[in-house]
Protein backbone atom coordinates (compact mmCIF):
# COMPACT_ATOMS: atom_id res chain seq x y z
CA MET A 1 -135.07 -34.47 222.77
CA LEU A 2 -136.49 -33.62 226.18
CA GLY A 3 -139.99 -33.67 224.68
CA ALA A 4 -139.38 -37.13 223.26
CA LYS A 5 -138.25 -38.39 226.66
CA VAL A 6 -141.35 -36.94 228.32
CA LEU A 7 -143.63 -38.47 225.69
CA GLY A 8 -141.86 -41.82 226.05
CA TYR A 9 -142.25 -41.68 229.82
CA GLU A 10 -145.95 -40.89 229.49
CA TYR A 11 -146.38 -43.75 227.00
CA SER A 12 -144.56 -46.11 229.38
CA CYS A 13 -146.78 -45.09 232.31
CA ASN A 14 -149.97 -45.45 230.26
CA ASN A 15 -148.90 -48.85 228.93
CA ASN A 16 -148.02 -50.14 232.40
CA ARG A 17 -151.30 -48.89 233.84
CA LEU A 18 -153.21 -50.70 231.08
CA LEU A 19 -151.34 -53.93 231.84
CA ASN A 20 -152.01 -53.45 235.54
CA GLU A 21 -155.76 -53.06 234.93
CA THR A 22 -155.83 -56.38 233.07
CA GLY A 23 -154.07 -58.03 236.00
CA LYS A 24 -151.11 -59.13 233.88
CA LEU A 25 -148.56 -56.67 235.23
CA LYS A 26 -145.74 -58.23 237.26
CA PHE A 27 -143.04 -56.24 239.00
CA SER A 28 -140.34 -57.93 236.91
CA ASN A 29 -142.29 -57.09 233.73
CA PHE A 30 -142.52 -53.49 234.90
CA GLU A 31 -138.73 -53.35 235.23
CA ASP A 32 -138.31 -54.89 231.77
CA SER A 33 -140.75 -52.35 230.35
CA VAL A 34 -138.74 -49.48 231.83
CA LYS A 35 -135.50 -50.93 230.45
CA ASN A 36 -137.07 -51.41 227.01
CA MET A 37 -138.41 -47.84 227.01
CA HIS A 38 -134.99 -46.56 228.05
CA GLY A 39 -133.41 -48.42 225.12
CA TRP A 40 -136.06 -47.01 222.79
CA LEU A 41 -135.28 -43.47 223.94
CA ILE A 42 -131.55 -44.03 223.40
CA ASN A 43 -132.22 -45.28 219.86
CA LEU A 44 -134.47 -42.29 219.21
CA ASN A 45 -131.82 -39.86 220.45
CA LEU A 46 -129.18 -41.41 218.17
CA LYS A 47 -131.29 -40.93 215.03
């Protein structure tokens, strides 16, 4: 599952960078994104 966590982290970073480039990224949205990704990883690990 370590690979899945790494891939999820990379996806999260790429997604946040894309949002930042469009000027829509807010710090609070960044935190929500991290929390959502963390939840996604937990769900993935439970399957």
